[in-house]
Amino acid sequence: MKRCDLKLYRGYANKKELVVFGHVVKKYPSGDRKYTRTGFRYAKTIIELFSIKTLPFLKVVLRIGDLTVETRAEEDGYFRFQVPFKEAMASGWHTYEVTVDDEVDGKKYHASSKEEFFLPYKTSYGIISDIDDTFLISHSRRSFKKLFTLLSRNVQARKPFDDVVKHYQLLSFASRTHPQKESNIFFYVSSSEWNLYDMIVRFAELNGLPKAVLKLKKIKSGLDDFVMTGAGSHDHKLRKIQNIIQFYPELQFILLGDDAQKDPQIYEEICRTYPDKVRAVYLRQTTRRSKPEATALIKNIQDMGIDTCYFAHSNKAIMHSLEKGLVFEAPVEILEAVAPPVENQ
């Protein structure tokens, strides 16, 4: 029996379909402690994550309740199920299971793993957020500094922007009828690769960010790819966001991003295509001065009748969310914790 691992990711569902996905790999680096290593040992952890070897074309089986569905992994080990799913269940998080039990070229492979998927509440919003330089300080505009930060700072040393966690916690209460904590589905959509999934999840958990479905970029399997992490076309982000919005025709969405890369252009196109589906757009200013192009694009979005906020500090975004009625009442502990502006690092 040949060793293989299943790396599953959080999925999502509506009242008709279920979407879950993952990778089949030879060996996935295990253990939570590797994300708290320091110095060279942590750099080694990141390099190991970008040296993952995937296994192509193996049969994978999804099981949830009475549902059993098969598919095959693609050439890069990635697989995705989007299947009819009408089993009655409560809104919130639920568990699914995927197994590999296959034989290729005389080699037998077996693995099994479980993950979760989210079914939104009827009156909730969908929250779609970028990651790097939106809530996680990453220095995306400076490639060398971004790479150095990735290699040298573990999840405990990486920092979110001031008050961004409070804003996201506040948005987890946003509702069109009655506030309910964690009733909204969050998607973190990024040009970071699937290799960094666990790091991002652990960072979010450590800092109290809402539990989310992640949509990342094609997995990489070599050091040459690692040097270019997060680079290249951002078209995949546009497609992923479009797919999410189309999957939830009953939801309105709140978009959060930054002006460091292509979020302003992507979000303007989303708003032009789905003007009735976007409730608000938040854009973080990553330099000392606002960018003229980002300002113009935000103005275009505002002219469509969509609430916008181009901000340097998250406390401004928090006040905007309250003023625009995205929440009926802010949790007292969140409002009391909003700090004065601090210059971006």
C-alpha atoms as a PDB file:
ATOM      1  CA  MET A   1       0.000   0.000   0.000  1.00  0.00           C
ATOM      2  CA  LYS A   2       1.487   3.330  -1.098  1.00  0.00           C
ATOM      3  CA  ARG A   3       1.270   6.299   1.223  1.00  0.00           C
ATOM      4  CA  CYS A   4      -0.799   9.276   0.171  1.00  0.00           C
ATOM      5  CA  ASP A   5      -2.520  12.118   1.956  1.00  0.00           C
ATOM      6  CA  LEU A   6      -5.760  13.962   1.319  1.00  0.00           C
ATOM      7  CA  LYS A   7      -5.678  17.695   1.898  1.00  0.00           C
ATOM      8  CA  LEU A   8      -9.274  18.883   2.155  1.00  0.00           C
ATOM      9  CA  TYR A   9     -10.498  22.467   2.324  1.00  0.00           C
ATOM     10  CA  ARG A  10     -13.618  24.028   3.787  1.00  0.00           C
ATOM     11  CA  GLY A  11     -16.516  23.844   1.359  1.00  0.00           C
ATOM     12  CA  TYR A  12     -19.881  25.527   0.942  1.00  0.00           C
ATOM     13  CA  ALA A  13     -23.475  24.715   0.024  1.00  0.00           C
ATOM     14  CA  ASN A  14     -26.792  26.252  -0.912  1.00  0.00           C
ATOM     15  CA  LYS A  15     -30.209  24.601  -0.744  1.00  0.00           C
ATOM     16  CA  LYS A  16     -29.571  22.690  -3.984  1.00  0.00           C
ATOM     17  CA  GLU A  17     -25.848  21.971  -4.329  1.00  0.00           C
ATOM     18  CA  LEU A  18     -22.706  21.208  -2.372  1.00  0.00           C
ATOM     19  CA  VAL A  19     -19.173  22.287  -3.361  1.00  0.00           C
ATOM     20  CA  VAL A  20     -16.111  20.706  -1.726  1.00  0.00           C
ATOM     21  CA  PHE A  21     -12.545  20.373  -2.989  1.00  0.00           C
ATOM     22  CA  GLY A  22      -9.012  19.316  -2.117  1.00  0.00           C
ATOM     23  CA  HIS A  23      -5.728  17.804  -3.293  1.00  0.00           C
ATOM     24  CA  VAL A  24      -4.274  14.305  -3.325  1.00  0.00           C
ATOM     25  CA  VAL A  25      -0.595  14.511  -2.340  1.00  0.00           C
ATOM     26  CA  LYS A  26       2.196  12.038  -1.612  1.00  0.00           C
ATOM     27  CA  LYS A  27       2.845  13.469   1.847  1.00  0.00           C
ATOM     28  CA  TYR A  28       1.450  16.596   3.455  1.00  0.00           C
ATOM     29  CA  PRO A  29       3.613  18.269   6.129  1.00  0.00           C
ATOM     30  CA  SER A  30       1.809  17.522   9.382  1.00  0.00           C
ATOM     31  CA  GLY A  31       1.712  19.036  12.851  1.00  0.00           C
ATOM     32  CA  ASP A  32       0.678  22.443  14.135  1.00  0.00           C
ATOM     33  CA  ARG A  33       4.046  23.163  15.769  1.00  0.00           C
ATOM     34  CA  LYS A  34       5.763  23.724  12.434  1.00  0.00           C
ATOM     35  CA  TYR A  35       3.853  26.990  12.059  1.00  0.00           C
ATOM     36  CA  THR A  36       5.311  28.351  15.308  1.00  0.00           C
ATOM     37  CA  ARG A  37       8.950  27.512  14.554  1.00  0.00           C
ATOM     38  CA  THR A  38      11.387  30.395  14.343  1.00  0.00           C
ATOM     39  CA  GLY A  39      14.403  31.358  12.256  1.00  0.00           C
ATOM     40  CA  PHE A  40      15.719  28.876   9.721  1.00  0.00           C
ATOM     41  CA  ARG A  41      13.388  26.134  10.968  1.00  0.00           C
ATOM     42  CA  TYR A  42      10.352  28.192  10.019  1.00  0.00           C
ATOM     43  CA  ALA A  43      11.832  29.077   6.628  1.00  0.00           C
ATOM     44  CA  LYS A  44      12.290  25.330   6.126  1.00  0.00           C
ATOM     45  CA  THR A  45       8.584  24.805   6.907  1.00  0.00           C
ATOM     46  CA  ILE A  46       7.544  27.259   4.179  1.00  0.00           C
ATOM     47  CA  ILE A  47       9.934  25.679   1.674  1.00  0.00           C
ATOM     48  CA  GLU A  48       8.500  22.236   2.527  1.00  0.00           C
ATOM     49  CA  LEU A  49       5.007  23.531   1.808  1.00  0.00           C
ATOM     50  CA  PHE A  50       6.139  24.620  -1.652  1.00  0.00           C
ATOM     51  CA  SER A  51       7.806  21.237  -2.271  1.00  0.00           C
ATOM     52  CA  ILE A  52       4.611  19.189  -1.945  1.00  0.00           C
ATOM     53  CA  LYS A  53       4.308  16.446  -4.563  1.00  0.00           C
ATOM     54  CA  THR A  54       0.793  15.875  -5.848  1.00  0.00           C
ATOM     55  CA  LEU A  55      -0.688  12.623  -7.155  1.00  0.00           C
ATOM     56  CA  PRO A  56      -2.709  12.814 -10.385  1.00  0.00           C
ATOM     57  CA  PHE A  57      -5.762  10.932 -11.624  1.00  0.00           C
ATOM     58  CA  LEU A  58      -6.576   8.914  -8.492  1.00  0.00           C
ATOM     59  CA  LYS A  59     -10.227   8.122  -7.806  1.00  0.00           C
ATOM     60  CA  VAL A  60     -11.671  10.080  -4.886  1.00  0.00           C
ATOM     61  CA  VAL A  61     -15.010   9.393  -3.195  1.00  0.00           C
ATOM     62  CA  LEU A  62     -17.178  11.935  -1.361  1.00  0.00           C
ATOM     63  CA  ARG A  63     -19.491  10.705   1.386  1.00  0.00           C
ATOM     64  CA  ILE A  64     -21.998  12.754   3.310  1.00  0.00           C
ATOM     65  CA  GLY A  65     -25.209  11.380   4.754  1.00  0.00           C
ATOM     66  CA  ASP A  66     -26.758   9.089   2.137  1.00  0.00           C
ATOM     67  CA  LEU A  67     -24.769  10.709  -0.680  1.00  0.00           C
ATOM     68  CA  THR A  68     -21.789   8.936  -2.294  1.00  0.00           C
ATOM     69  CA  VAL A  69     -20.114  10.472  -5.358  1.00  0.00           C
ATOM     70  CA  GLU A  70     -16.903   9.637  -7.237  1.00  0.00           C
ATOM     71  CA  THR A  71     -14.531  11.717  -9.334  1.00  0.00           C
ATOM     72  CA  ARG A  72     -10.852  11.686 -10.329  1.00  0.00           C
ATOM     73  CA  ALA A  73      -8.120  14.075  -9.338  1.00  0.00           C
ATOM     74  CA  GLU A  74      -6.713  16.291 -12.068  1.00  0.00           C
ATOM     75  CA  GLU A  75      -3.097  16.313 -13.254  1.00  0.00           C
ATOM     76  CA  ASP A  76      -2.028  18.488 -10.312  1.00  0.00           C
ATOM     77  CA  GLY A  77      -3.884  16.332  -7.773  1.00  0.00           C
ATOM     78  CA  TYR A  78      -6.750  18.813  -7.422  1.00  0.00           C
ATOM     79  CA  PHE A  79     -10.329  17.562  -7.271  1.00  0.00           C
ATOM     80  CA  ARG A  80     -13.643  19.323  -6.897  1.00  0.00           C
ATOM     81  CA  PHE A  81     -17.168  18.096  -6.280  1.00  0.00           C
ATOM     82  CA  GLN A  82     -20.163  20.235  -7.211  1.00  0.00           C
ATOM     83  CA  VAL A  83     -23.086  17.904  -6.744  1.00  0.00           C
ATOM     84  CA  PRO A  84     -26.868  18.100  -6.242  1.00  0.00           C
ATOM     85  CA  PHE A  85     -27.551  18.053  -2.534  1.00  0.00           C
ATOM     86  CA  LYS A  86     -31.066  18.371  -1.139  1.00  0.00           C
ATOM     87  CA  GLU A  87     -30.676  16.724   2.242  1.00  0.00           C
ATOM     88  CA  ALA A  88     -32.459  18.827   4.853  1.00  0.00           C
ATOM     89  CA  MET A  89     -30.029  20.309   7.350  1.00  0.00           C
ATOM     90  CA  ALA A  90     -29.687  23.338   9.557  1.00  0.00           C
ATOM     91  CA  SER A  91     -27.706  26.377   8.494  1.00  0.00           C
ATOM     92  CA  GLY A  92     -24.123  26.469   9.739  1.00  0.00           C
ATOM     93  CA  TRP A  93     -21.079  24.189   9.580  1.00  0.00           C
ATOM     94  CA  HIS A  94     -21.336  20.472   8.729  1.00  0.00           C
ATOM     95  CA  THR A  95     -18.825  17.660   8.193  1.00  0.00           C
ATOM     96  CA  TYR A  96     -18.026  15.814   4.964  1.00  0.00           C
ATOM     97  CA  GLU A  97     -15.631  12.925   4.268  1.00  0.00           C
ATOM     98  CA  VAL A  98     -13.480  12.076   1.243  1.00  0.00           C
ATOM     99  CA  THR A  99     -11.538   8.854   0.667  1.00  0.00           C
ATOM    100  CA  VAL A 100      -8.987   7.581  -1.820  1.00  0.00           C
ATOM    101  CA  ASP A 101      -8.977   3.839  -2.483  1.00  0.00           C
ATOM    102  CA  ASP A 102      -7.446   3.207  -5.886  1.00  0.00           C
ATOM    103  CA  GLU A 103      -4.786   1.263  -7.773  1.00  0.00           C
ATOM    104  CA  VAL A 104      -2.629   2.818 -10.501  1.00  0.00           C
ATOM    105  CA  ASP A 105       0.235   1.028 -12.287  1.00  0.00           C
ATOM    106  CA  GLY A 106       0.089  -1.780  -9.754  1.00  0.00           C
ATOM    107  CA  LYS A 107       0.358   0.621  -6.796  1.00  0.00           C
ATOM    108  CA  LYS A 108      -2.474   0.759  -4.274  1.00  0.00           C
ATOM    109  CA  TYR A 109      -3.334   4.046  -2.595  1.00  0.00           C
ATOM    110  CA  HIS A 110      -5.570   4.641   0.391  1.00  0.00           C
ATOM    111  CA  ALA A 111      -6.384   7.716   2.463  1.00  0.00           C
ATOM    112  CA  SER A 112      -9.359   9.206   4.259  1.00  0.00           C
ATOM    113  CA  SER A 113     -10.003  12.662   5.674  1.00  0.00           C
ATOM    114  CA  LYS A 114     -12.812  14.885   6.973  1.00  0.00           C
ATOM    115  CA  GLU A 115     -13.514  18.602   6.671  1.00  0.00           C
ATOM    116  CA  GLU A 116     -16.412  21.032   6.973  1.00  0.00           C
ATOM    117  CA  PHE A 117     -18.723  22.977   4.696  1.00  0.00           C
ATOM    118  CA  PHE A 118     -21.032  25.923   5.418  1.00  0.00           C
ATOM    119  CA  LEU A 119     -24.717  26.386   4.620  1.00  0.00           C
ATOM    120  CA  PRO A 120     -25.665  30.084   5.003  1.00  0.00           C
ATOM    121  CA  TYR A 121     -28.667  31.427   6.854  1.00  0.00           C
ATOM    122  CA  LYS A 122     -31.569  32.811   4.801  1.00  0.00           C
ATOM    123  CA  THR A 123     -31.142  36.455   5.790  1.00  0.00           C
ATOM    124  CA  SER A 124     -27.366  36.562   5.899  1.00  0.00           C
ATOM    125  CA  TYR A 125     -24.822  38.352   3.729  1.00  0.00           C
ATOM    126  CA  GLY A 126     -21.915  36.847   1.867  1.00  0.00           C
ATOM    127  CA  ILE A 127     -18.588  38.443   2.810  1.00  0.00           C
ATOM    128  CA  ILE A 128     -15.784  38.204   0.223  1.00  0.00           C
ATOM    129  CA  SER A 129     -12.366  39.425   1.314  1.00  0.00           C
ATOM    130  CA  ASP A 130      -8.877  39.501  -0.113  1.00  0.00           C
ATOM    131  CA  ILE A 131      -6.098  38.423   2.289  1.00  0.00           C
ATOM    132  CA  ASP A 132      -2.691  40.021   1.656  1.00  0.00           C
ATOM    133  CA  ASP A 133      -2.658  43.680   2.690  1.00  0.00           C
ATOM    134  CA  THR A 134      -6.416  43.586   3.248  1.00  0.00           C
ATOM    135  CA  PHE A 135      -6.332  42.004   6.708  1.00  0.00           C
ATOM    136  CA  LEU A 136      -2.830  40.441   6.779  1.00  0.00           C
ATOM    137  CA  ILE A 137       0.150  42.818   6.564  1.00  0.00           C
ATOM    138  CA  SER A 138       2.121  41.320   3.644  1.00  0.00           C
ATOM    139  CA  HIS A 139       3.917  44.126   1.740  1.00  0.00           C
ATOM    140  CA  SER A 140       2.556  42.891  -1.598  1.00  0.00           C
ATOM    141  CA  ARG A 141       3.871  45.944  -3.466  1.00  0.00           C
ATOM    142  CA  ARG A 142       7.474  45.045  -2.540  1.00  0.00           C
ATOM    143  CA  SER A 143       8.279  41.527  -3.751  1.00  0.00           C
ATOM    144  CA  PHE A 144      11.510  41.016  -1.792  1.00  0.00           C
ATOM    145  CA  LYS A 145      10.027  42.265   1.481  1.00  0.00           C
ATOM    146  CA  LYS A 146       6.948  40.098   0.967  1.00  0.00           C
ATOM    147  CA  LEU A 147       9.138  37.017   0.413  1.00  0.00           C
ATOM    148  CA  PHE A 148      11.325  37.852   3.416  1.00  0.00           C
ATOM    149  CA  THR A 149       8.242  38.289   5.606  1.00  0.00           C
ATOM    150  CA  LEU A 150       6.808  34.963   4.454  1.00  0.00           C
ATOM    151  CA  LEU A 151      10.066  33.123   5.247  1.00  0.00           C
ATOM    152  CA  SER A 152      11.022  34.819   8.489  1.00  0.00           C
ATOM    153  CA  ARG A 153       7.802  35.492  10.409  1.00  0.00           C
ATOM    154  CA  ASN A 154       5.681  32.625  11.681  1.00  0.00           C
ATOM    155  CA  VAL A 155       1.935  32.868  12.242  1.00  0.00           C
ATOM    156  CA  GLN A 156       2.447  34.264  15.735  1.00  0.00           C
ATOM    157  CA  ALA A 157       4.750  37.011  14.452  1.00  0.00           C
ATOM    158  CA  ARG A 158       2.578  38.004  11.477  1.00  0.00           C
ATOM    159  CA  LYS A 159       0.202  40.857  12.230  1.00  0.00           C
ATOM    160  CA  PRO A 160      -3.249  41.961  11.077  1.00  0.00           C
ATOM    161  CA  PHE A 161      -3.956  45.646  10.518  1.00  0.00           C
ATOM    162  CA  ASP A 162      -5.172  47.601  13.521  1.00  0.00           C
ATOM    163  CA  ASP A 163      -8.908  47.080  14.147  1.00  0.00           C
ATOM    164  CA  VAL A 164      -9.422  44.878  11.084  1.00  0.00           C
ATOM    165  CA  VAL A 165     -10.369  41.904  13.267  1.00  0.00           C
ATOM    166  CA  LYS A 166     -12.963  44.042  15.050  1.00  0.00           C
ATOM    167  CA  HIS A 167     -14.421  45.090  11.693  1.00  0.00           C
ATOM    168  CA  TYR A 168     -14.684  41.488  10.484  1.00  0.00           C
ATOM    169  CA  GLN A 169     -16.195  40.397  13.793  1.00  0.00           C
ATOM    170  CA  LEU A 170     -18.713  43.194  13.410  1.00  0.00           C
ATOM    171  CA  LEU A 171     -19.544  42.058   9.870  1.00  0.00           C
ATOM    172  CA  SER A 172     -20.182  38.552  11.172  1.00  0.00           C
ATOM    173  CA  PHE A 173     -23.279  40.083  12.823  1.00  0.00           C
ATOM    174  CA  ALA A 174     -24.493  41.822   9.650  1.00  0.00           C
ATOM    175  CA  SER A 175     -28.004  40.729   8.696  1.00  0.00           C
ATOM    176  CA  ARG A 176     -30.917  41.941   6.616  1.00  0.00           C
ATOM    177  CA  THR A 177     -33.386  41.110   9.397  1.00  0.00           C
ATOM    178  CA  HIS A 178     -32.010  39.963  12.753  1.00  0.00           C
ATOM    179  CA  PRO A 179     -28.357  39.967  13.884  1.00  0.00           C
ATOM    180  CA  GLN A 180     -26.958  36.553  14.698  1.00  0.00           C
ATOM    181  CA  LYS A 181     -23.293  35.917  15.397  1.00  0.00           C
ATOM    182  CA  GLU A 182     -21.459  33.926  12.712  1.00  0.00           C
ATOM    183  CA  SER A 183     -24.561  33.806  10.527  1.00  0.00           C
ATOM    184  CA  ASN A 184     -22.694  35.108   7.465  1.00  0.00           C
ATOM    185  CA  ILE A 185     -20.554  33.072   5.128  1.00  0.00           C
ATOM    186  CA  PHE A 186     -17.040  34.457   4.696  1.00  0.00           C
ATOM    187  CA  PHE A 187     -14.851  33.769   1.669  1.00  0.00           C
ATOM    188  CA  TYR A 188     -11.161  34.688   1.731  1.00  0.00           C
ATOM    189  CA  VAL A 189     -10.162  34.879  -1.951  1.00  0.00           C
ATOM    190  CA  SER A 190      -6.484  35.410  -2.705  1.00  0.00           C
ATOM    191  CA  SER A 191      -3.676  35.043  -5.227  1.00  0.00           C
ATOM    192  CA  SER A 192      -1.721  33.143  -2.582  1.00  0.00           C
ATOM    193  CA  GLU A 193      -1.351  29.471  -3.461  1.00  0.00           C
ATOM    194  CA  TRP A 194      -3.048  26.461  -1.864  1.00  0.00           C
ATOM    195  CA  ASN A 195       0.353  25.649  -0.322  1.00  0.00           C
ATOM    196  CA  LEU A 196      -0.303  28.403   2.255  1.00  0.00           C
ATOM    197  CA  TYR A 197      -3.814  27.251   3.215  1.00  0.00           C
ATOM    198  CA  ASP A 198      -2.954  25.969   6.699  1.00  0.00           C
ATOM    199  CA  MET A 199      -0.824  29.001   7.486  1.00  0.00           C
ATOM    200  CA  ILE A 200      -3.692  31.344   6.593  1.00  0.00           C
ATOM    201  CA  VAL A 201      -6.245  29.294   8.552  1.00  0.00           C
ATOM    202  CA  ARG A 202      -4.019  29.270  11.635  1.00  0.00           C
ATOM    203  CA  PHE A 203      -3.373  32.998  11.351  1.00  0.00           C
ATOM    204  CA  ALA A 204      -7.111  33.661  11.144  1.00  0.00           C
ATOM    205  CA  GLU A 205      -7.840  31.441  14.150  1.00  0.00           C
ATOM    206  CA  LEU A 206      -5.021  32.930  16.222  1.00  0.00           C
ATOM    207  CA  ASN A 207      -6.224  36.478  15.615  1.00  0.00           C
ATOM    208  CA  GLY A 208      -9.967  35.870  15.973  1.00  0.00           C
ATOM    209  CA  LEU A 209     -10.941  36.426  12.340  1.00  0.00           C
ATOM    210  CA  PRO A 210     -14.229  34.808  11.272  1.00  0.00           C
ATOM    211  CA  LYS A 211     -14.071  31.201  10.121  1.00  0.00           C
ATOM    212  CA  ALA A 212     -14.081  31.232   6.323  1.00  0.00           C
ATOM    213  CA  VAL A 213     -14.018  29.264   3.100  1.00  0.00           C
ATOM    214  CA  LEU A 214     -10.708  29.914   1.312  1.00  0.00           C
ATOM    215  CA  LYS A 215     -10.353  30.176  -2.461  1.00  0.00           C
ATOM    216  CA  LEU A 216      -6.678  30.253  -3.418  1.00  0.00           C
ATOM    217  CA  LYS A 217      -4.462  29.899  -6.474  1.00  0.00           C
ATOM    218  CA  LYS A 218      -3.163  26.740  -8.176  1.00  0.00           C
ATOM    219  CA  ILE A 219      -0.857  24.676  -5.960  1.00  0.00           C
ATOM    220  CA  LYS A 220       2.876  24.934  -6.640  1.00  0.00           C
ATOM    221  CA  SER A 221       5.437  22.146  -6.367  1.00  0.00           C
ATOM    222  CA  GLY A 222       8.910  23.641  -6.629  1.00  0.00           C
ATOM    223  CA  LEU A 223      11.269  26.337  -5.386  1.00  0.00           C
ATOM    224  CA  ASP A 224      11.167  28.157  -8.725  1.00  0.00           C
ATOM    225  CA  ASP A 225       7.427  28.575  -8.214  1.00  0.00           C
ATOM    226  CA  PHE A 226       7.953  29.605  -4.606  1.00  0.00           C
ATOM    227  CA  VAL A 227      10.041  32.646  -5.547  1.00  0.00           C
ATOM    228  CA  MET A 228       7.072  33.911  -7.585  1.00  0.00           C
ATOM    229  CA  THR A 229       4.446  33.221  -4.913  1.00  0.00           C
ATOM    230  CA  GLY A 230       1.381  35.442  -5.256  1.00  0.00           C
ATOM    231  CA  ALA A 231       2.567  36.850  -8.585  1.00  0.00           C
ATOM    232  CA  GLY A 232       1.081  36.547 -12.057  1.00  0.00           C
ATOM    233  CA  SER A 233      -2.430  37.104 -13.322  1.00  0.00           C
ATOM    234  CA  HIS A 234      -5.246  37.825 -10.897  1.00  0.00           C
ATOM    235  CA  ASP A 235      -7.951  36.752 -13.363  1.00  0.00           C
ATOM    236  CA  HIS A 236      -8.616  33.665 -11.261  1.00  0.00           C
ATOM    237  CA  LYS A 237      -9.877  35.934  -8.449  1.00  0.00           C
ATOM    238  CA  LEU A 238     -12.463  37.485 -10.745  1.00  0.00           C
ATOM    239  CA  ARG A 239     -13.680  34.043 -11.860  1.00  0.00           C
ATOM    240  CA  LYS A 240     -13.841  32.716  -8.304  1.00  0.00           C
ATOM    241  CA  ILE A 241     -15.830  35.711  -7.064  1.00  0.00           C
ATOM    242  CA  GLN A 242     -18.211  35.457 -10.021  1.00  0.00           C
ATOM    243  CA  ASN A 243     -18.766  31.763  -9.269  1.00  0.00           C
ATOM    244  CA  ILE A 244     -19.512  32.492  -5.612  1.00  0.00           C
ATOM    245  CA  ILE A 245     -22.042  35.215  -6.425  1.00  0.00           C
ATOM    246  CA  GLN A 246     -23.774  33.040  -9.036  1.00  0.00           C
ATOM    247  CA  PHE A 247     -23.923  30.151  -6.555  1.00  0.00           C
ATOM    248  CA  TYR A 248     -25.899  32.248  -4.058  1.00  0.00           C
ATOM    249  CA  PRO A 249     -28.616  34.128  -6.004  1.00  0.00           C
ATOM    250  CA  GLU A 250     -30.459  34.905  -2.761  1.00  0.00           C
ATOM    251  CA  LEU A 251     -27.523  36.638  -1.035  1.00  0.00           C
ATOM    252  CA  GLN A 252     -26.141  40.139  -1.198  1.00  0.00           C
ATOM    253  CA  PHE A 253     -22.384  40.506  -0.838  1.00  0.00           C
ATOM    254  CA  ILE A 254     -19.925  42.770   0.934  1.00  0.00           C
ATOM    255  CA  LEU A 255     -16.519  42.994  -0.794  1.00  0.00           C
ATOM    256  CA  LEU A 256     -13.287  43.864   1.016  1.00  0.00           C
ATOM    257  CA  GLY A 257      -9.905  44.429  -0.616  1.00  0.00           C
ATOM    258  CA  ASP A 258      -6.992  46.840  -0.933  1.00  0.00           C
ATOM    259  CA  ASP A 259      -5.397  49.124  -3.496  1.00  0.00           C
ATOM    260  CA  ALA A 260      -2.009  47.339  -3.635  1.00  0.00           C
ATOM    261  CA  GLN A 261      -2.810  45.178  -6.665  1.00  0.00           C
ATOM    262  CA  LYS A 262      -5.933  44.544  -8.759  1.00  0.00           C
ATOM    263  CA  ASP A 263      -8.796  44.551  -6.253  1.00  0.00           C
ATOM    264  CA  PRO A 264     -10.205  47.942  -7.378  1.00  0.00           C
ATOM    265  CA  GLN A 265     -10.450  46.802 -11.016  1.00  0.00           C
ATOM    266  CA  ILE A 266     -11.823  43.374 -10.086  1.00  0.00           C
ATOM    267  CA  TYR A 267     -14.437  44.790  -7.725  1.00  0.00           C
ATOM    268  CA  GLU A 268     -15.573  47.436 -10.193  1.00  0.00           C
ATOM    269  CA  GLU A 269     -16.126  44.729 -12.821  1.00  0.00           C
ATOM    270  CA  ILE A 270     -18.041  42.612 -10.301  1.00  0.00           C
ATOM    271  CA  CYS A 271     -20.249  45.592  -9.438  1.00  0.00           C
ATOM    272  CA  ARG A 272     -20.918  46.356 -13.100  1.00  0.00           C
ATOM    273  CA  THR A 273     -21.928  42.747 -13.723  1.00  0.00           C
ATOM    274  CA  TYR A 274     -23.949  42.261 -10.510  1.00  0.00           C
ATOM    275  CA  PRO A 275     -25.006  45.768  -9.337  1.00  0.00           C
ATOM    276  CA  ASP A 276     -27.964  44.421  -7.350  1.00  0.00           C
ATOM    277  CA  LYS A 277     -25.877  41.742  -5.646  1.00  0.00           C
ATOM    278  CA  VAL A 278     -23.264  43.956  -3.978  1.00  0.00           C
ATOM    279  CA  ARG A 279     -24.252  45.750  -0.768  1.00  0.00           C
ATOM    280  CA  ALA A 280     -20.945  47.518  -0.067  1.00  0.00           C
ATOM    281  CA  VAL A 281     -17.283  47.680  -1.123  1.00  0.00           C
ATOM    282  CA  TYR A 282     -14.418  48.357   1.297  1.00  0.00           C
ATOM    283  CA  LEU A 283     -10.954  49.180  -0.036  1.00  0.00           C
ATOM    284  CA  ARG A 284      -7.870  49.587   2.150  1.00  0.00           C
ATOM    285  CA  GLN A 285      -5.397  52.350   1.290  1.00  0.00           C
ATOM    286  CA  THR A 286      -1.900  50.810   1.482  1.00  0.00           C
ATOM    287  CA  THR A 287       0.194  53.934   0.875  1.00  0.00           C
ATOM    288  CA  ARG A 288       0.359  57.320   2.610  1.00  0.00           C
ATOM    289  CA  ARG A 289      -1.769  58.911  -0.085  1.00  0.00           C
ATOM    290  CA  SER A 290      -4.829  57.542  -1.831  1.00  0.00           C
ATOM    291  CA  LYS A 291      -4.280  56.320  -5.370  1.00  0.00           C
ATOM    292  CA  PRO A 292      -6.028  58.312  -8.139  1.00  0.00           C
ATOM    293  CA  GLU A 293      -6.974  55.178 -10.091  1.00  0.00           C
ATOM    294  CA  ALA A 294      -8.438  53.480  -7.020  1.00  0.00           C
ATOM    295  CA  THR A 295     -10.303  56.683  -6.113  1.00  0.00           C
ATOM    296  CA  ALA A 296     -11.802  56.857  -9.615  1.00  0.00           C
ATOM    297  CA  LEU A 297     -12.869  53.209  -9.552  1.00  0.00           C
ATOM    298  CA  ILE A 298     -14.454  53.602  -6.124  1.00  0.00           C
ATOM    299  CA  LYS A 299     -16.339  56.638  -7.462  1.00  0.00           C
ATOM    300  CA  ASN A 300     -17.609  54.518 -10.375  1.00  0.00           C
ATOM    301  CA  ILE A 301     -18.893  51.916  -7.925  1.00  0.00           C
ATOM    302  CA  GLN A 302     -20.532  54.578  -5.772  1.00  0.00           C
ATOM    303  CA  ASP A 303     -22.298  55.971  -8.843  1.00  0.00           C
ATOM    304  CA  MET A 304     -23.940  52.548  -9.266  1.00  0.00           C
ATOM    305  CA  GLY A 305     -25.720  53.100  -5.948  1.00  0.00           C
ATOM    306  CA  ILE A 306     -23.390  50.828  -3.962  1.00  0.00           C
ATOM    307  CA  ASP A 307     -22.000  51.960  -0.607  1.00  0.00           C
ATOM    308  CA  THR A 308     -18.204  52.355  -0.655  1.00  0.00           C
ATOM    309  CA  CYS A 309     -15.439  53.122   1.810  1.00  0.00           C
ATOM    310  CA  TYR A 310     -11.815  53.822   0.800  1.00  0.00           C
ATOM    311  CA  PHE A 311      -9.967  53.871   4.107  1.00  0.00           C
ATOM    312  CA  ALA A 312      -6.480  53.983   5.605  1.00  0.00           C
ATOM    313  CA  HIS A 313      -7.568  52.689   9.036  1.00  0.00           C
ATOM    314  CA  SER A 314     -10.153  50.031   9.833  1.00  0.00           C
ATOM    315  CA  ASN A 315     -11.913  52.143  12.465  1.00  0.00           C
ATOM    316  CA  LYS A 316     -13.186  54.302   9.592  1.00  0.00           C
ATOM    317  CA  ALA A 317     -14.562  51.156   7.924  1.00  0.00           C
ATOM    318  CA  ILE A 318     -16.215  50.131  11.194  1.00  0.00           C
ATOM    319  CA  MET A 319     -17.986  53.470  11.535  1.00  0.00           C
ATOM    320  CA  HIS A 320     -19.087  53.265   7.898  1.00  0.00           C
ATOM    321  CA  SER A 321     -20.636  49.816   8.493  1.00  0.00           C
ATOM    322  CA  LEU A 322     -22.611  51.216  11.415  1.00  0.00           C
ATOM    323  CA  GLU A 323     -23.683  54.406   9.652  1.00  0.00           C
ATOM    324  CA  LYS A 324     -24.890  52.508   6.569  1.00  0.00           C
ATOM    325  CA  GLY A 325     -26.966  50.073   8.595  1.00  0.00           C
ATOM    326  CA  LEU A 326     -25.079  46.907   7.745  1.00  0.00           C
ATOM    327  CA  VAL A 327     -25.719  45.934  11.348  1.00  0.00           C
ATOM    328  CA  PHE A 328     -28.623  46.912  13.563  1.00  0.00           C
ATOM    329  CA  GLU A 329     -26.599  47.054  16.745  1.00  0.00           C
ATOM    330  CA  ALA A 330     -22.875  46.685  17.319  1.00  0.00           C
ATOM    331  CA  PRO A 331     -21.674  44.337  20.066  1.00  0.00           C
ATOM    332  CA  VAL A 332     -20.546  46.555  22.962  1.00  0.00           C
ATOM    333  CA  GLU A 333     -17.211  44.780  23.368  1.00  0.00           C
ATOM    334  CA  ILE A 334     -16.322  45.533  19.739  1.00  0.00           C
ATOM    335  CA  LEU A 335     -17.172  49.233  19.902  1.00  0.00           C
ATOM    336  CA  GLU A 336     -15.296  49.692  23.173  1.00  0.00           C
ATOM    337  CA  ALA A 337     -12.195  48.090  21.686  1.00  0.00           C
ATOM    338  CA  VAL A 338     -11.913  50.354  18.627  1.00  0.00           C
ATOM    339  CA  ALA A 339      -8.547  52.087  18.982  1.00  0.00           C
ATOM    340  CA  PRO A 340      -7.377  55.458  17.611  1.00  0.00           C
ATOM    341  CA  PRO A 341      -5.686  55.418  14.187  1.00  0.00           C
ATOM    342  CA  VAL A 342      -2.144  54.044  14.058  1.00  0.00           C
ATOM    343  CA  GLU A 343       0.090  54.500  11.043  1.00  0.00           C
ATOM    344  CA  ASN A 344       0.309  51.403   8.797  1.00  0.00           C
ATOM    345  CA  GLN A 345       3.543  49.469   9.169  1.00  0.00           C
END
